[in-house]
Amino acid sequence: MNVLVLCDRIPSSYQDGLTLRILHYVRRLCPQHRFDLVCFRTGVETDEVRTLFRHIWMFERPERRAGGALRGWVPESLYPYSHPLAAFLETELDPANYDVVWDAACCLAPHLPDRWKAVPYFGDLVDEMVLALWNRLKLARSAGEAARMFKYLVLNARFERRYLGPAALCTVVSEVDAAML
């Protein structure tokens, strides 16, 4: 199987739970499958990463605009958007060469153009953010904090519905997260 891995950082740190998972999964699956990586250039590209991935394409992580997700009610404002990364997926990679797209942490989903819809999408969420934000909202110490948490909760719910609703598969780390998703 040919797998395109999308990640918001280079999966090279044993200090970061998300990238640790990616490294272990890819290392285990490499003998039977081939992995390519599209990511933001954050972290260190190690020899291990170079051996695990057949191709690695890195893009500069865009700066977040001031205000971020608090500016509007557009769920895509939750994560930085890279026009060069989106253009690369639109024009340089052929979806026909891949059997699945694995989006680690699910924050690069908005970059996938429509022509990738025929390729099964695997959303590897790790944590279900709506549940996490609901729990934070219940503990808010002020009306301002509660309003902020509520807005992020709504944005994350809309993001999940839009990008994870059509996913072939989504994973989270607990049964509670899975029930919420």
Protein backbone atom coordinates (compact mmCIF):
# COMPACT_ATOMS: atom_id res chain seq x y z
CA MET A 1 0.00 0.00 0.00
CA ASN A 2 1.20 3.54 -0.76
CA VAL A 3 0.39 5.97 2.05
CA LEU A 4 0.64 9.75 1.95
CA VAL A 5 1.22 11.05 5.49
CA LEU A 6 0.26 14.65 6.24
CA CYS A 7 1.66 16.16 9.43
CA ASP A 8 2.01 19.67 10.81
CA ARG A 9 5.62 18.89 11.84
CA ILE A 10 8.47 16.53 11.04
CA PRO A 11 7.82 13.31 12.94
CA SER A 12 11.23 13.08 14.54
CA SER A 13 10.83 13.75 18.24
CA TYR A 14 10.58 11.20 20.97
CA GLN A 15 9.44 14.10 23.21
CA ASP A 16 6.16 14.61 21.31
CA GLY A 17 3.34 12.04 21.62
CA LEU A 18 1.96 12.63 18.12
CA THR A 19 5.27 12.23 16.33
CA LEU A 20 6.25 9.33 18.56
CA ARG A 21 3.09 7.50 17.43
CA ILE A 22 3.83 8.24 13.78
CA LEU A 23 7.40 6.97 14.05
CA HIS A 24 6.33 3.74 15.74
CA TYR A 25 3.46 3.06 13.33
CA VAL A 26 5.52 3.77 10.22
CA ARG A 27 8.49 1.76 11.49
CA ARG A 28 6.18 -1.22 12.11
CA LEU A 29 4.36 -0.93 8.79
CA CYS A 30 7.35 -0.11 6.54
CA PRO A 31 8.14 -3.69 5.58
CA GLN A 32 4.70 -4.08 3.93
CA HIS A 33 3.88 -0.50 2.88
CA ARG A 34 5.50 2.62 1.43
CA PHE A 35 5.13 6.02 3.07
CA ASP A 36 5.58 9.53 1.68
CA LEU A 37 5.47 12.58 3.93
CA VAL A 38 4.17 16.12 3.41
CA CYS A 39 4.78 18.34 6.44
CA PHE A 40 5.71 21.73 7.74
CA ARG A 41 9.42 22.32 8.30
CA THR A 42 9.30 22.25 12.09
CA GLY A 43 11.61 19.96 13.99
CA VAL A 44 14.67 18.06 12.86
CA GLU A 45 14.77 15.72 9.89
CA THR A 46 16.69 12.74 11.29
CA ASP A 47 18.33 9.81 9.50
CA GLU A 48 15.57 7.59 10.83
CA VAL A 49 12.89 9.78 9.23
CA ARG A 50 14.80 9.75 5.93
CA THR A 51 14.86 5.94 5.95
CA LEU A 52 11.21 5.50 6.95
CA PHE A 53 9.74 7.78 4.28
CA ARG A 54 10.31 7.22 0.56
CA HIS A 55 9.77 10.93 -0.23
CA ILE A 56 9.63 13.90 2.12
CA TRP A 57 8.28 17.27 1.05
CA MET A 58 8.54 20.09 3.58
CA PHE A 59 6.92 23.52 3.54
CA GLU A 60 7.43 26.55 5.72
CA ARG A 61 4.82 26.78 8.43
CA PRO A 62 2.75 29.92 7.83
CA GLU A 63 2.48 32.49 10.58
CA ARG A 64 -0.85 32.66 12.33
CA ARG A 65 -2.60 35.95 11.83
CA ALA A 66 -3.27 38.00 14.94
CA GLY A 67 -6.51 36.90 16.50
CA GLY A 68 -6.46 33.48 14.83
CA ALA A 69 -9.67 31.55 15.30
CA LEU A 70 -11.12 34.33 17.42
CA ARG A 71 -11.49 36.54 14.33
CA GLY A 72 -14.42 34.73 12.76
CA TRP A 73 -16.49 31.59 12.71
CA VAL A 74 -14.59 29.86 9.90
CA PRO A 75 -13.35 26.45 11.10
CA GLU A 76 -10.32 26.58 8.79
CA SER A 77 -9.01 29.46 10.91
CA LEU A 78 -8.09 26.93 13.61
CA TYR A 79 -4.91 25.89 11.81
CA PRO A 80 -2.34 27.73 9.70
CA TYR A 81 -2.99 27.42 5.98
CA SER A 82 -0.13 27.10 3.51
CA HIS A 83 -0.91 28.09 -0.07
CA PRO A 84 2.33 26.49 -1.34
CA LEU A 85 1.46 23.19 0.36
CA ALA A 86 -2.08 23.24 -1.06
CA ALA A 87 -0.76 24.08 -4.54
CA PHE A 88 1.73 21.21 -4.29
CA LEU A 89 -1.07 18.75 -3.49
CA GLU A 90 -3.14 20.19 -6.32
CA THR A 91 -0.50 20.13 -9.05
CA GLU A 92 2.51 18.00 -8.10
CA LEU A 93 1.24 14.81 -6.49
CA ASP A 94 -1.05 12.38 -8.28
CA PRO A 95 -3.76 10.96 -6.00
CA ALA A 96 -3.82 7.83 -8.18
CA ASN A 97 -0.42 6.94 -6.71
CA TYR A 98 -1.82 6.57 -3.19
CA ASP A 99 -4.09 4.08 -1.50
CA VAL A 100 -4.74 6.20 1.59
CA VAL A 101 -4.07 9.67 3.02
CA TRP A 102 -3.13 9.58 6.70
CA ASP A 103 -3.58 13.01 8.29
CA ALA A 104 -1.75 12.95 11.63
CA ALA A 105 -3.61 15.32 14.00
CA CYS A 106 -6.04 16.20 11.17
CA CYS A 107 -4.91 19.80 10.84
CA LEU A 108 -3.84 19.60 7.19
CA ALA A 109 -7.21 18.36 5.90
CA PRO A 110 -8.18 21.79 4.47
CA HIS A 111 -5.14 21.59 2.16
CA LEU A 112 -6.48 18.55 0.27
CA PRO A 113 -8.03 19.59 -3.03
CA ASP A 114 -11.20 17.98 -4.34
CA ARG A 115 -9.27 15.71 -6.70
CA TRP A 116 -8.05 13.77 -3.63
CA LYS A 117 -11.60 12.82 -2.56
CA ALA A 118 -11.35 9.43 -4.27
CA VAL A 119 -8.46 8.45 -1.97
CA PRO A 120 -9.60 7.14 1.43
CA TYR A 121 -8.83 9.66 4.17
CA PHE A 122 -7.64 8.44 7.59
CA GLY A 123 -8.02 11.12 10.26
CA ASP A 124 -5.67 10.38 13.16
CA LEU A 125 -7.06 12.81 15.74
CA VAL A 126 -5.29 11.60 18.87
CA ASP A 127 -7.58 13.69 21.13
CA GLU A 128 -11.16 14.64 20.35
CA MET A 129 -11.01 18.43 20.67
CA VAL A 130 -14.75 19.04 21.11
CA LEU A 131 -14.70 16.87 24.22
CA ALA A 132 -11.54 18.55 25.53
CA LEU A 133 -13.02 22.00 24.95
CA TRP A 134 -16.34 20.99 26.53
CA ASN A 135 -14.45 19.97 29.67
CA ARG A 136 -12.50 23.25 29.66
CA LEU A 137 -15.71 25.23 29.13
CA LYS A 138 -17.24 23.64 32.24
CA LEU A 139 -14.19 24.78 34.25
CA ALA A 140 -14.02 28.33 32.83
CA ARG A 141 -13.33 30.91 35.55
CA SER A 142 -14.77 33.92 33.76
CA ALA A 143 -17.39 34.81 31.18
CA GLY A 144 -14.64 35.81 28.74
CA GLU A 145 -12.88 32.48 29.10
CA ALA A 146 -16.20 30.64 28.73
CA ALA A 147 -17.02 32.62 25.56
CA ARG A 148 -13.59 31.81 24.11
CA MET A 149 -13.93 28.09 24.93
CA PHE A 150 -17.45 28.01 23.48
CA LYS A 151 -16.26 29.57 20.24
CA TYR A 152 -13.36 27.11 19.90
CA LEU A 153 -15.76 24.26 20.69
CA VAL A 154 -18.13 25.36 17.90
CA LEU A 155 -15.25 25.87 15.45
CA ASN A 156 -13.81 22.44 16.22
CA ALA A 157 -17.24 20.78 15.90
CA ARG A 158 -17.72 22.43 12.50
CA PHE A 159 -14.17 21.45 11.44
CA GLU A 160 -14.77 17.83 12.44
CA ARG A 161 -18.11 17.68 10.63
CA ARG A 162 -16.67 19.20 7.45
CA TYR A 163 -13.37 17.33 7.25
CA LEU A 164 -13.79 14.19 9.33
CA GLY A 165 -17.41 13.42 8.45
CA PRO A 166 -16.43 12.07 5.03
CA ALA A 167 -13.33 10.27 6.38
CA ALA A 168 -12.95 6.55 5.75
CA LEU A 169 -11.62 6.13 9.28
CA CYS A 170 -10.83 8.29 12.32
CA THR A 171 -8.89 7.26 15.39
CA VAL A 172 -8.65 8.71 18.86
CA VAL A 173 -6.91 7.48 22.01
CA SER A 174 -9.88 6.57 24.20
CA GLU A 175 -13.40 5.16 24.09
CA VAL A 176 -14.72 8.39 25.61
CA ASP A 177 -13.13 10.41 22.76
CA ALA A 178 -14.52 7.93 20.21
CA ALA A 179 -18.04 8.21 21.63
CA MET A 180 -17.90 12.01 21.41
CA LEU A 181 -16.55 11.95 17.85
